[in-house]
Amino acid sequence: MPSTATRERLLDAAWAEATERGVDLLTLARVAARAGVSRQAVYLHFGNRSTLLVEMARRIDYSSGFRQRLRAARKHPPRTAFRRVLEEWYAYLPLILPVHRALEAAALVGGEGAAAYADRMQDWRDGLRISAAALAESGELASRWTVDAATDWVWAAVHPTTYHHLVNDCDWDSTEVAATTIATLERELYAAT
């Protein structure tokens, strides 16, 4: 049975490699060498690079405090909670974007990479659904929206690829992307008061 200590050491090594060299240069061999274990140990714990990336991202979700901040944001009234969840997302996105982009690239070639990417995106989509459902339950979601449609719309608007294109390809400031997207979503989703 794989040891928890080795798994944690591998995740530490993977994050250090990704941070220092970039996700594009992250290989299972480099991770193994940095962690002081065999490459086979990496396969034993994660199976493939895509799964390692997903697990690394999930670990960062928690160790960075992102998951805890989302839970705290959701304790507010629905509109405030919605805004805070999105603000937390945009504050976190620059940290996790390189991992997301690597998973997205793996998804394009299919196989295990596609499954890992779909799992990661479904996790974020489920989190956004919580916010959309809270707006609906409080009567604050505009009547033209279902919870599912609102979730789809928010997910597409705040998708990491959209953020990447606006910031890196169109030279938008990251705070401008966040502010504009959040304000637009609020106008589109909220019921008139």
N, C-alpha and C. Protein backbone atom coordinates (compact mmCIF):
# COMPACT_ATOMS: atom_id res chain seq x y z
N MET A 1 0.84 -1.19 0.00
CA MET A 1 0.00 0.00 0.00
C MET A 1 0.89 1.25 0.00
N PRO A 2 0.59 2.22 -0.87
CA PRO A 2 1.39 3.45 -0.93
C PRO A 2 1.35 4.23 0.38
N SER A 3 2.49 4.78 0.77
CA SER A 3 2.53 5.52 2.03
C SER A 3 2.09 6.97 1.84
N THR A 4 1.42 7.48 2.85
CA THR A 4 0.96 8.87 2.84
C THR A 4 2.14 9.83 2.82
N ALA A 5 3.19 9.49 3.55
CA ALA A 5 4.37 10.37 3.61
C ALA A 5 5.01 10.50 2.22
N THR A 6 5.11 9.40 1.50
CA THR A 6 5.69 9.46 0.15
C THR A 6 4.79 10.27 -0.78
N ARG A 7 3.51 10.07 -0.66
CA ARG A 7 2.55 10.82 -1.49
C ARG A 7 2.71 12.32 -1.25
N GLU A 8 2.79 12.71 0.01
CA GLU A 8 2.94 14.13 0.34
C GLU A 8 4.27 14.67 -0.18
N ARG A 9 5.33 13.87 -0.06
CA ARG A 9 6.64 14.28 -0.57
C ARG A 9 6.58 14.47 -2.08
N LEU A 10 5.88 13.59 -2.77
CA LEU A 10 5.74 13.71 -4.22
C LEU A 10 4.95 14.96 -4.59
N LEU A 11 3.90 15.25 -3.86
CA LEU A 11 3.11 16.47 -4.14
C LEU A 11 3.94 17.72 -3.87
N ASP A 12 4.72 17.70 -2.80
CA ASP A 12 5.63 18.83 -2.53
C ASP A 12 6.62 19.00 -3.68
N ALA A 13 7.20 17.89 -4.12
CA ALA A 13 8.18 17.94 -5.19
C ALA A 13 7.54 18.43 -6.49
N ALA A 14 6.35 17.97 -6.77
CA ALA A 14 5.65 18.38 -8.00
C ALA A 14 5.38 19.88 -7.97
N TRP A 15 4.91 20.39 -6.85
CA TRP A 15 4.62 21.82 -6.76
C TRP A 15 5.91 22.64 -6.88
N ALA A 16 6.98 22.18 -6.24
CA ALA A 16 8.26 22.89 -6.34
C ALA A 16 8.76 22.90 -7.79
N GLU A 17 8.66 21.77 -8.47
CA GLU A 17 9.07 21.71 -9.88
C GLU A 17 8.22 22.65 -10.73
N ALA A 18 6.92 22.60 -10.52
CA ALA A 18 6.00 23.44 -11.30
C ALA A 18 6.27 24.92 -11.05
N THR A 19 6.55 25.27 -9.80
CA THR A 19 6.80 26.66 -9.44
C THR A 19 8.13 27.15 -10.00
N GLU A 20 9.15 26.33 -9.90
CA GLU A 20 10.50 26.74 -10.33
C GLU A 20 10.72 26.65 -11.84
N ARG A 21 10.22 25.59 -12.45
CA ARG A 21 10.52 25.35 -13.86
C ARG A 21 9.32 25.57 -14.78
N GLY A 22 8.13 25.61 -14.19
CA GLY A 22 6.92 25.72 -14.99
C GLY A 22 6.27 24.37 -15.18
N VAL A 23 4.97 24.38 -15.31
CA VAL A 23 4.21 23.14 -15.43
C VAL A 23 4.56 22.40 -16.71
N ASP A 24 4.87 23.14 -17.77
CA ASP A 24 5.19 22.50 -19.04
C ASP A 24 6.40 21.57 -18.93
N LEU A 25 7.33 21.89 -18.05
CA LEU A 25 8.54 21.08 -17.90
C LEU A 25 8.40 20.04 -16.79
N LEU A 26 7.25 19.96 -16.16
CA LEU A 26 7.03 19.01 -15.08
C LEU A 26 6.92 17.60 -15.66
N THR A 27 7.81 16.74 -15.26
CA THR A 27 7.76 15.34 -15.69
C THR A 27 7.74 14.46 -14.45
N LEU A 28 7.26 13.25 -14.64
CA LEU A 28 7.23 12.32 -13.51
C LEU A 28 8.65 11.97 -13.08
N ALA A 29 9.57 11.91 -14.03
CA ALA A 29 10.97 11.61 -13.68
C ALA A 29 11.56 12.72 -12.81
N ARG A 30 11.31 13.98 -13.16
CA ARG A 30 11.82 15.11 -12.35
C ARG A 30 11.21 15.10 -10.95
N VAL A 31 9.91 14.83 -10.89
CA VAL A 31 9.23 14.79 -9.59
C VAL A 31 9.83 13.68 -8.73
N ALA A 32 10.02 12.51 -9.33
CA ALA A 32 10.59 11.38 -8.60
C ALA A 32 11.98 11.72 -8.08
N ALA A 33 12.81 12.28 -8.95
CA ALA A 33 14.18 12.63 -8.55
C ALA A 33 14.18 13.64 -7.42
N ARG A 34 13.34 14.63 -7.54
CA ARG A 34 13.29 15.67 -6.50
C ARG A 34 12.80 15.12 -5.16
N ALA A 35 11.87 14.18 -5.23
CA ALA A 35 11.32 13.58 -4.00
C ALA A 35 12.22 12.47 -3.46
N GLY A 36 13.23 12.06 -4.24
CA GLY A 36 14.14 11.02 -3.79
C GLY A 36 13.52 9.62 -3.83
N VAL A 37 12.64 9.40 -4.80
CA VAL A 37 12.01 8.09 -4.96
C VAL A 37 12.13 7.66 -6.42
N SER A 38 11.75 6.44 -6.68
CA SER A 38 11.79 5.95 -8.05
C SER A 38 10.61 6.51 -8.86
N ARG A 39 10.78 6.54 -10.16
CA ARG A 39 9.68 6.98 -11.02
C ARG A 39 8.48 6.05 -10.85
N GLN A 40 8.75 4.79 -10.59
CA GLN A 40 7.67 3.82 -10.37
C GLN A 40 6.82 4.23 -9.16
N ALA A 41 7.43 4.85 -8.16
CA ALA A 41 6.67 5.30 -6.99
C ALA A 41 5.65 6.37 -7.38
N VAL A 42 6.02 7.22 -8.31
CA VAL A 42 5.08 8.25 -8.79
C VAL A 42 3.89 7.57 -9.46
N TYR A 43 4.18 6.58 -10.31
CA TYR A 43 3.10 5.84 -10.98
C TYR A 43 2.23 5.10 -9.98
N LEU A 44 2.83 4.56 -8.96
CA LEU A 44 2.09 3.83 -7.93
C LEU A 44 1.10 4.75 -7.22
N HIS A 45 1.52 5.98 -6.95
CA HIS A 45 0.67 6.92 -6.22
C HIS A 45 -0.34 7.64 -7.12
N PHE A 46 0.05 7.94 -8.35
CA PHE A 46 -0.80 8.79 -9.19
C PHE A 46 -1.20 8.20 -10.54
N GLY A 47 -0.48 7.23 -11.00
CA GLY A 47 -0.84 6.60 -12.26
C GLY A 47 -0.34 7.30 -13.50
N ASN A 48 -0.45 8.63 -13.55
CA ASN A 48 -0.02 9.38 -14.73
C ASN A 48 0.14 10.86 -14.36
N ARG A 49 0.69 11.61 -15.28
CA ARG A 49 0.96 13.05 -15.05
C ARG A 49 -0.33 13.83 -14.80
N SER A 50 -1.38 13.53 -15.54
CA SER A 50 -2.63 14.27 -15.40
C SER A 50 -3.22 14.11 -14.01
N THR A 51 -3.21 12.89 -13.51
CA THR A 51 -3.73 12.66 -12.16
C THR A 51 -2.87 13.37 -11.13
N LEU A 52 -1.56 13.36 -11.33
CA LEU A 52 -0.66 14.10 -10.43
C LEU A 52 -1.02 15.58 -10.43
N LEU A 53 -1.26 16.14 -11.61
CA LEU A 53 -1.62 17.57 -11.70
C LEU A 53 -2.93 17.86 -10.97
N VAL A 54 -3.92 17.00 -11.14
CA VAL A 54 -5.21 17.21 -10.46
C VAL A 54 -5.02 17.14 -8.95
N GLU A 55 -4.30 16.14 -8.49
CA GLU A 55 -4.08 16.01 -7.04
C GLU A 55 -3.26 17.17 -6.49
N MET A 56 -2.31 17.63 -7.28
CA MET A 56 -1.52 18.79 -6.86
C MET A 56 -2.43 20.01 -6.75
N ALA A 57 -3.31 20.21 -7.71
CA ALA A 57 -4.23 21.35 -7.68
C ALA A 57 -5.17 21.25 -6.49
N ARG A 58 -5.71 20.07 -6.23
CA ARG A 58 -6.61 19.90 -5.08
C ARG A 58 -5.89 20.20 -3.77
N ARG A 59 -4.67 19.77 -3.69
CA ARG A 59 -3.90 20.03 -2.48
C ARG A 59 -3.69 21.53 -2.29
N ILE A 60 -3.38 22.23 -3.38
CA ILE A 60 -3.18 23.68 -3.31
C ILE A 60 -4.50 24.37 -2.96
N ASP A 61 -5.62 23.82 -3.45
CA ASP A 61 -6.94 24.37 -3.08
C ASP A 61 -7.06 24.48 -1.56
N TYR A 62 -6.60 23.45 -0.88
CA TYR A 62 -6.71 23.42 0.58
C TYR A 62 -5.56 24.15 1.27
N SER A 63 -4.33 23.85 0.85
CA SER A 63 -3.18 24.43 1.56
C SER A 63 -3.10 25.94 1.39
N SER A 64 -3.63 26.47 0.29
CA SER A 64 -3.62 27.92 0.08
C SER A 64 -4.72 28.62 0.88
N GLY A 65 -5.66 27.83 1.39
CA GLY A 65 -6.80 28.41 2.11
C GLY A 65 -7.98 28.72 1.21
N PHE A 66 -7.86 28.44 -0.09
CA PHE A 66 -8.94 28.76 -1.03
C PHE A 66 -10.24 28.08 -0.64
N ARG A 67 -10.22 26.79 -0.34
CA ARG A 67 -11.45 26.08 0.02
C ARG A 67 -12.07 26.65 1.30
N GLN A 68 -11.23 26.97 2.26
CA GLN A 68 -11.74 27.53 3.52
C GLN A 68 -12.37 28.90 3.28
N ARG A 69 -11.74 29.70 2.41
CA ARG A 69 -12.29 31.03 2.12
C ARG A 69 -13.62 30.93 1.37
N LEU A 70 -13.75 29.92 0.51
CA LEU A 70 -15.04 29.71 -0.17
C LEU A 70 -16.13 29.36 0.83
N ARG A 71 -15.81 28.47 1.76
CA ARG A 71 -16.80 28.11 2.79
C ARG A 71 -17.21 29.34 3.60
N ALA A 72 -16.26 30.16 3.96
CA ALA A 72 -16.56 31.37 4.72
C ALA A 72 -17.40 32.33 3.89
N ALA A 73 -17.10 32.46 2.61
CA ALA A 73 -17.86 33.36 1.73
C ALA A 73 -19.31 32.94 1.62
N ARG A 74 -19.55 31.65 1.62
CA ARG A 74 -20.92 31.14 1.44
C ARG A 74 -21.80 31.34 2.68
N LYS A 75 -21.23 31.77 3.78
CA LYS A 75 -22.00 32.00 5.00
C LYS A 75 -22.73 33.35 4.97
N HIS A 76 -22.43 34.17 3.99
CA HIS A 76 -23.06 35.48 3.86
C HIS A 76 -24.41 35.36 3.15
N PRO A 77 -25.22 36.43 3.15
CA PRO A 77 -26.45 36.42 2.36
C PRO A 77 -26.10 36.12 0.89
N PRO A 78 -27.02 35.53 0.13
CA PRO A 78 -26.71 35.01 -1.21
C PRO A 78 -25.99 35.96 -2.16
N ARG A 79 -26.41 37.21 -2.26
CA ARG A 79 -25.74 38.13 -3.19
C ARG A 79 -24.31 38.42 -2.75
N THR A 80 -24.14 38.66 -1.48
CA THR A 80 -22.79 38.91 -0.95
C THR A 80 -21.94 37.66 -1.12
N ALA A 81 -22.52 36.51 -0.84
CA ALA A 81 -21.80 35.25 -0.97
C ALA A 81 -21.36 35.02 -2.42
N PHE A 82 -22.27 35.28 -3.36
CA PHE A 82 -21.94 35.10 -4.77
C PHE A 82 -20.74 35.97 -5.16
N ARG A 83 -20.80 37.23 -4.79
CA ARG A 83 -19.70 38.15 -5.10
C ARG A 83 -18.40 37.69 -4.45
N ARG A 84 -18.47 37.30 -3.19
CA ARG A 84 -17.25 36.90 -2.48
C ARG A 84 -16.65 35.62 -3.05
N VAL A 85 -17.50 34.67 -3.44
CA VAL A 85 -17.00 33.44 -4.06
C VAL A 85 -16.24 33.79 -5.34
N LEU A 86 -16.80 34.66 -6.15
CA LEU A 86 -16.12 35.04 -7.39
C LEU A 86 -14.85 35.84 -7.12
N GLU A 87 -14.88 36.71 -6.14
CA GLU A 87 -13.66 37.46 -5.78
C GLU A 87 -12.56 36.51 -5.32
N GLU A 88 -12.94 35.51 -4.51
CA GLU A 88 -11.95 34.52 -4.07
C GLU A 88 -11.40 33.75 -5.25
N TRP A 89 -12.27 33.40 -6.20
CA TRP A 89 -11.83 32.68 -7.39
C TRP A 89 -10.80 33.49 -8.17
N TYR A 90 -11.11 34.76 -8.40
CA TYR A 90 -10.19 35.59 -9.18
C TYR A 90 -8.89 35.87 -8.44
N ALA A 91 -8.92 35.89 -7.13
CA ALA A 91 -7.68 36.05 -6.37
C ALA A 91 -6.82 34.78 -6.44
N TYR A 92 -7.47 33.64 -6.53
CA TYR A 92 -6.78 32.34 -6.55
C TYR A 92 -6.32 31.95 -7.95
N LEU A 93 -7.02 32.38 -8.94
CA LEU A 93 -6.78 31.94 -10.32
C LEU A 93 -5.34 32.11 -10.80
N PRO A 94 -4.66 33.23 -10.55
CA PRO A 94 -3.27 33.33 -11.02
C PRO A 94 -2.35 32.24 -10.46
N LEU A 95 -2.62 31.80 -9.24
CA LEU A 95 -1.80 30.75 -8.63
C LEU A 95 -2.00 29.41 -9.33
N ILE A 96 -3.23 29.09 -9.64
CA ILE A 96 -3.55 27.76 -10.16
C ILE A 96 -3.60 27.71 -11.69
N LEU A 97 -3.58 28.85 -12.35
CA LEU A 97 -3.74 28.89 -13.80
C LEU A 97 -2.73 28.02 -14.56
N PRO A 98 -1.44 28.01 -14.20
CA PRO A 98 -0.52 27.14 -14.95
C PRO A 98 -0.90 25.66 -14.90
N VAL A 99 -1.38 25.21 -13.75
CA VAL A 99 -1.81 23.82 -13.63
C VAL A 99 -3.06 23.59 -14.47
N HIS A 100 -3.98 24.53 -14.42
CA HIS A 100 -5.18 24.42 -15.24
C HIS A 100 -4.83 24.31 -16.72
N ARG A 101 -3.93 25.17 -17.17
CA ARG A 101 -3.56 25.18 -18.60
C ARG A 101 -2.92 23.85 -19.00
N ALA A 102 -2.12 23.27 -18.12
CA ALA A 102 -1.52 21.97 -18.43
C ALA A 102 -2.58 20.87 -18.50
N LEU A 103 -3.55 20.92 -17.60
CA LEU A 103 -4.64 19.95 -17.64
C LEU A 103 -5.50 20.14 -18.89
N GLU A 104 -5.72 21.37 -19.24
CA GLU A 104 -6.50 21.66 -20.44
C GLU A 104 -5.79 21.12 -21.68
N ALA A 105 -4.49 21.29 -21.75
CA ALA A 105 -3.71 20.77 -22.88
C ALA A 105 -3.78 19.24 -22.91
N ALA A 106 -3.71 18.61 -21.74
CA ALA A 106 -3.81 17.16 -21.68
C ALA A 106 -5.20 16.70 -22.14
N ALA A 107 -6.22 17.49 -21.83
CA ALA A 107 -7.58 17.14 -22.23
C ALA A 107 -7.74 17.15 -23.74
N LEU A 108 -7.01 18.01 -24.41
CA LEU A 108 -7.12 18.12 -25.86
C LEU A 108 -6.67 16.85 -26.58
N VAL A 109 -5.75 16.11 -25.96
CA VAL A 109 -5.29 14.88 -26.59
C VAL A 109 -6.07 13.67 -26.13
N GLY A 110 -7.00 13.87 -25.19
CA GLY A 110 -7.89 12.79 -24.78
C GLY A 110 -7.30 11.88 -23.74
N GLY A 111 -7.91 10.73 -23.60
CA GLY A 111 -7.45 9.73 -22.65
C GLY A 111 -7.57 10.18 -21.21
N GLU A 112 -6.57 9.81 -20.41
CA GLU A 112 -6.59 10.12 -18.98
C GLU A 112 -6.55 11.62 -18.72
N GLY A 113 -5.88 12.36 -19.60
CA GLY A 113 -5.83 13.81 -19.44
C GLY A 113 -7.21 14.43 -19.54
N ALA A 114 -8.02 13.93 -20.46
CA ALA A 114 -9.37 14.46 -20.63
C ALA A 114 -10.21 14.18 -19.40
N ALA A 115 -10.07 12.99 -18.85
CA ALA A 115 -10.84 12.63 -17.65
C ALA A 115 -10.41 13.48 -16.46
N ALA A 116 -9.12 13.71 -16.31
CA ALA A 116 -8.61 14.52 -15.20
C ALA A 116 -9.11 15.96 -15.31
N TYR A 117 -9.06 16.51 -16.51
CA TYR A 117 -9.53 17.88 -16.73
C TYR A 117 -11.03 17.99 -16.47
N ALA A 118 -11.80 17.04 -16.98
CA ALA A 118 -13.25 17.05 -16.78
C ALA A 118 -13.59 16.97 -15.29
N ASP A 119 -12.85 16.16 -14.55
CA ASP A 119 -13.07 16.04 -13.11
C ASP A 119 -12.80 17.36 -12.41
N ARG A 120 -11.72 17.99 -12.76
CA ARG A 120 -11.35 19.27 -12.14
C ARG A 120 -12.38 20.36 -12.45
N MET A 121 -12.83 20.44 -13.69
CA MET A 121 -13.80 21.45 -14.08
C MET A 121 -15.18 21.17 -13.47
N GLN A 122 -15.53 19.89 -13.33
CA GLN A 122 -16.81 19.56 -12.70
C GLN A 122 -16.80 19.96 -11.23
N ASP A 123 -15.68 19.82 -10.59
CA ASP A 123 -15.55 20.22 -9.18
C ASP A 123 -15.84 21.71 -9.03
N TRP A 124 -15.27 22.54 -9.90
CA TRP A 124 -15.49 23.99 -9.84
C TRP A 124 -16.93 24.31 -10.21
N ARG A 125 -17.47 23.63 -11.20
CA ARG A 125 -18.86 23.84 -11.62
C ARG A 125 -19.82 23.53 -10.47
N ASP A 126 -19.56 22.44 -9.74
CA ASP A 126 -20.39 22.08 -8.59
C ASP A 126 -20.35 23.18 -7.53
N GLY A 127 -19.17 23.77 -7.34
CA GLY A 127 -19.06 24.87 -6.38
C GLY A 127 -19.86 26.09 -6.81
N LEU A 128 -19.85 26.39 -8.09
CA LEU A 128 -20.64 27.52 -8.59
C LEU A 128 -22.13 27.25 -8.49
N ARG A 129 -22.51 25.99 -8.63
CA ARG A 129 -23.92 25.63 -8.53
C ARG A 129 -24.47 25.93 -7.13
N ILE A 130 -23.63 25.76 -6.12
CA ILE A 130 -24.04 26.08 -4.75
C ILE A 130 -24.48 27.55 -4.67
N SER A 131 -23.69 28.42 -5.28
CA SER A 131 -24.01 29.86 -5.26
C SER A 131 -25.28 30.16 -6.05
N ALA A 132 -25.43 29.54 -7.22
CA ALA A 132 -26.64 29.77 -8.03
C ALA A 132 -27.88 29.25 -7.31
N ALA A 133 -27.76 28.11 -6.67
CA ALA A 133 -28.90 27.55 -5.92
C ALA A 133 -29.28 28.44 -4.75
N ALA A 134 -28.29 29.01 -4.07
CA ALA A 134 -28.58 29.92 -2.95
C ALA A 134 -29.32 31.16 -3.44
N LEU A 135 -28.92 31.69 -4.59
CA LEU A 135 -29.63 32.84 -5.15
C LEU A 135 -31.07 32.45 -5.49
N ALA A 136 -31.28 31.29 -6.07
CA ALA A 136 -32.63 30.85 -6.44
C ALA A 136 -33.49 30.62 -5.21
N GLU A 137 -32.94 29.97 -4.21
CA GLU A 137 -33.70 29.67 -2.99
C GLU A 137 -34.12 30.93 -2.26
N SER A 138 -33.35 31.99 -2.38
CA SER A 138 -33.69 33.25 -1.69
C SER A 138 -34.56 34.15 -2.56
N GLY A 139 -34.87 33.70 -3.76
CA GLY A 139 -35.68 34.51 -4.68
C GLY A 139 -34.88 35.62 -5.35
N GLU A 140 -33.57 35.55 -5.28
CA GLU A 140 -32.74 36.61 -5.84
C GLU A 140 -32.18 36.30 -7.23
N LEU A 141 -32.50 35.11 -7.76
CA LEU A 141 -32.09 34.77 -9.11
C LEU A 141 -33.21 35.21 -10.05
N ALA A 142 -32.86 35.97 -11.09
CA ALA A 142 -33.87 36.46 -12.04
C ALA A 142 -34.68 35.28 -12.57
N SER A 143 -35.97 35.50 -12.80
CA SER A 143 -36.89 34.42 -13.16
C SER A 143 -36.55 33.73 -14.48
N ARG A 144 -35.83 34.40 -15.34
CA ARG A 144 -35.49 33.78 -16.62
C ARG A 144 -34.43 32.71 -16.50
N TRP A 145 -33.78 32.62 -15.33
CA TRP A 145 -32.70 31.67 -15.13
C TRP A 145 -33.16 30.46 -14.31
N THR A 146 -32.73 29.27 -14.73
CA THR A 146 -32.80 28.10 -13.85
C THR A 146 -31.45 28.02 -13.14
N VAL A 147 -31.39 27.24 -12.10
CA VAL A 147 -30.12 27.07 -11.40
C VAL A 147 -29.07 26.49 -12.35
N ASP A 148 -29.47 25.50 -13.14
CA ASP A 148 -28.51 24.89 -14.06
C ASP A 148 -28.02 25.87 -15.12
N ALA A 149 -28.94 26.64 -15.69
CA ALA A 149 -28.53 27.61 -16.72
C ALA A 149 -27.64 28.70 -16.12
N ALA A 150 -27.98 29.17 -14.94
CA ALA A 150 -27.15 30.19 -14.27
C ALA A 150 -25.76 29.62 -13.97
N THR A 151 -25.71 28.38 -13.52
CA THR A 151 -24.42 27.74 -13.25
C THR A 151 -23.59 27.66 -14.53
N ASP A 152 -24.21 27.24 -15.61
CA ASP A 152 -23.50 27.14 -16.89
C ASP A 152 -22.94 28.50 -17.30
N TRP A 153 -23.76 29.54 -17.17
CA TRP A 153 -23.37 30.88 -17.60
C TRP A 153 -22.20 31.42 -16.76
N VAL A 154 -22.31 31.26 -15.46
CA VAL A 154 -21.24 31.73 -14.58
C VAL A 154 -19.96 30.94 -14.85
N TRP A 155 -20.09 29.63 -14.98
CA TRP A 155 -18.92 28.78 -15.23
C TRP A 155 -18.20 29.20 -16.51
N ALA A 156 -18.96 29.47 -17.56
CA ALA A 156 -18.34 29.90 -18.82
C ALA A 156 -17.68 31.27 -18.67
N ALA A 157 -18.33 32.17 -17.95
CA ALA A 157 -17.81 33.54 -17.81
C ALA A 157 -16.52 33.58 -17.00
N VAL A 158 -16.43 32.75 -15.97
CA VAL A 158 -15.26 32.80 -15.08
C VAL A 158 -14.27 31.67 -15.37
N HIS A 159 -14.46 31.00 -16.48
CA HIS A 159 -13.60 29.87 -16.84
C HIS A 159 -12.14 30.33 -16.94
N PRO A 160 -11.22 29.52 -16.47
CA PRO A 160 -9.80 29.91 -16.53
C PRO A 160 -9.32 30.24 -17.94
N THR A 161 -9.85 29.58 -18.94
CA THR A 161 -9.43 29.87 -20.31
C THR A 161 -9.86 31.27 -20.73
N THR A 162 -11.06 31.68 -20.35
CA THR A 162 -11.53 33.03 -20.64
C THR A 162 -10.60 34.05 -19.98
N TYR A 163 -10.30 33.81 -18.71
CA TYR A 163 -9.39 34.69 -17.97
C TYR A 163 -8.03 34.75 -18.66
N HIS A 164 -7.50 33.59 -19.01
CA HIS A 164 -6.19 33.53 -19.68
C HIS A 164 -6.19 34.35 -20.97
N HIS A 165 -7.23 34.18 -21.78
CA HIS A 165 -7.28 34.91 -23.05
C HIS A 165 -7.37 36.42 -22.84
N LEU A 166 -8.20 36.84 -21.90
CA LEU A 166 -8.33 38.28 -21.66
C LEU A 166 -7.03 38.89 -21.11
N VAL A 167 -6.42 38.20 -20.16
CA VAL A 167 -5.21 38.74 -19.53
C VAL A 167 -3.98 38.59 -20.43
N ASN A 168 -3.80 37.42 -21.01
CA ASN A 168 -2.57 37.17 -21.77
C ASN A 168 -2.64 37.52 -23.24
N ASP A 169 -3.80 37.35 -23.85
CA ASP A 169 -3.92 37.62 -25.29
C ASP A 169 -4.44 39.02 -25.59
N CYS A 170 -5.28 39.56 -24.70
CA CYS A 170 -5.90 40.87 -24.95
C CYS A 170 -5.34 41.96 -24.05
N ASP A 171 -4.38 41.61 -23.19
CA ASP A 171 -3.72 42.56 -22.30
C ASP A 171 -4.64 43.28 -21.31
N TRP A 172 -5.71 42.61 -20.88
CA TRP A 172 -6.53 43.17 -19.82
C TRP A 172 -5.79 43.02 -18.50
N ASP A 173 -6.01 43.95 -17.60
CA ASP A 173 -5.50 43.83 -16.25
C ASP A 173 -6.35 42.79 -15.52
N SER A 174 -5.73 41.94 -14.71
CA SER A 174 -6.47 40.88 -14.04
C SER A 174 -7.57 41.41 -13.12
N THR A 175 -7.33 42.54 -12.49
CA THR A 175 -8.39 43.11 -11.63
C THR A 175 -9.55 43.64 -12.47
N GLU A 176 -9.24 44.11 -13.67
CA GLU A 176 -10.29 44.57 -14.58
C GLU A 176 -11.15 43.39 -15.05
N VAL A 177 -10.51 42.27 -15.34
CA VAL A 177 -11.26 41.07 -15.73
C VAL A 177 -12.22 40.68 -14.61
N ALA A 178 -11.71 40.63 -13.40
CA ALA A 178 -12.54 40.22 -12.26
C ALA A 178 -13.70 41.19 -12.05
N ALA A 179 -13.40 42.47 -11.98
CA ALA A 179 -14.44 43.46 -11.71
C ALA A 179 -15.50 43.48 -12.80
N THR A 180 -15.08 43.45 -14.05
CA THR A 180 -16.03 43.51 -15.16
C THR A 180 -16.90 42.26 -15.21
N THR A 181 -16.28 41.10 -15.04
CA THR A 181 -17.03 39.85 -15.10
C THR A 181 -18.03 39.76 -13.95
N ILE A 182 -17.60 40.08 -12.75
CA ILE A 182 -18.50 39.99 -11.59
C ILE A 182 -19.66 40.96 -11.76
N ALA A 183 -19.39 42.20 -12.13
CA ALA A 183 -20.47 43.19 -12.30
C ALA A 183 -21.44 42.75 -13.40
N THR A 184 -20.93 42.21 -14.49
CA THR A 184 -21.79 41.75 -15.58
C THR A 184 -22.67 40.59 -15.12
N LEU A 185 -22.10 39.64 -14.43
CA LEU A 185 -22.87 38.50 -13.95
C LEU A 185 -23.94 38.95 -12.95
N GLU A 186 -23.61 39.87 -12.08
CA GLU A 186 -24.61 40.36 -11.14
C GLU A 186 -25.78 41.00 -11.86
N ARG A 187 -25.50 41.83 -12.86
CA ARG A 187 -26.58 42.47 -13.64
C ARG A 187 -27.44 41.43 -14.35
N GLU A 188 -26.82 40.42 -14.88
CA GLU A 188 -27.54 39.42 -15.66
C GLU A 188 -28.35 38.45 -14.81
N LEU A 189 -27.84 38.11 -13.63
CA LEU A 189 -28.46 37.03 -12.85
C LEU A 189 -29.43 37.48 -11.79
N TYR A 190 -29.25 38.66 -11.24
CA TYR A 190 -30.06 39.05 -10.10
C TYR A 190 -31.47 39.47 -10.51
N ALA A 191 -32.40 39.08 -9.66
CA ALA A 191 -33.78 39.52 -9.83
C ALA A 191 -33.85 41.03 -9.52
N ALA A 192 -34.73 41.71 -10.20
CA ALA A 192 -34.90 43.15 -9.94
C ALA A 192 -35.38 43.35 -8.51
N THR A 193 -34.88 44.40 -7.88
CA THR A 193 -35.30 44.68 -6.51
C THR A 193 -36.13 45.94 -6.44
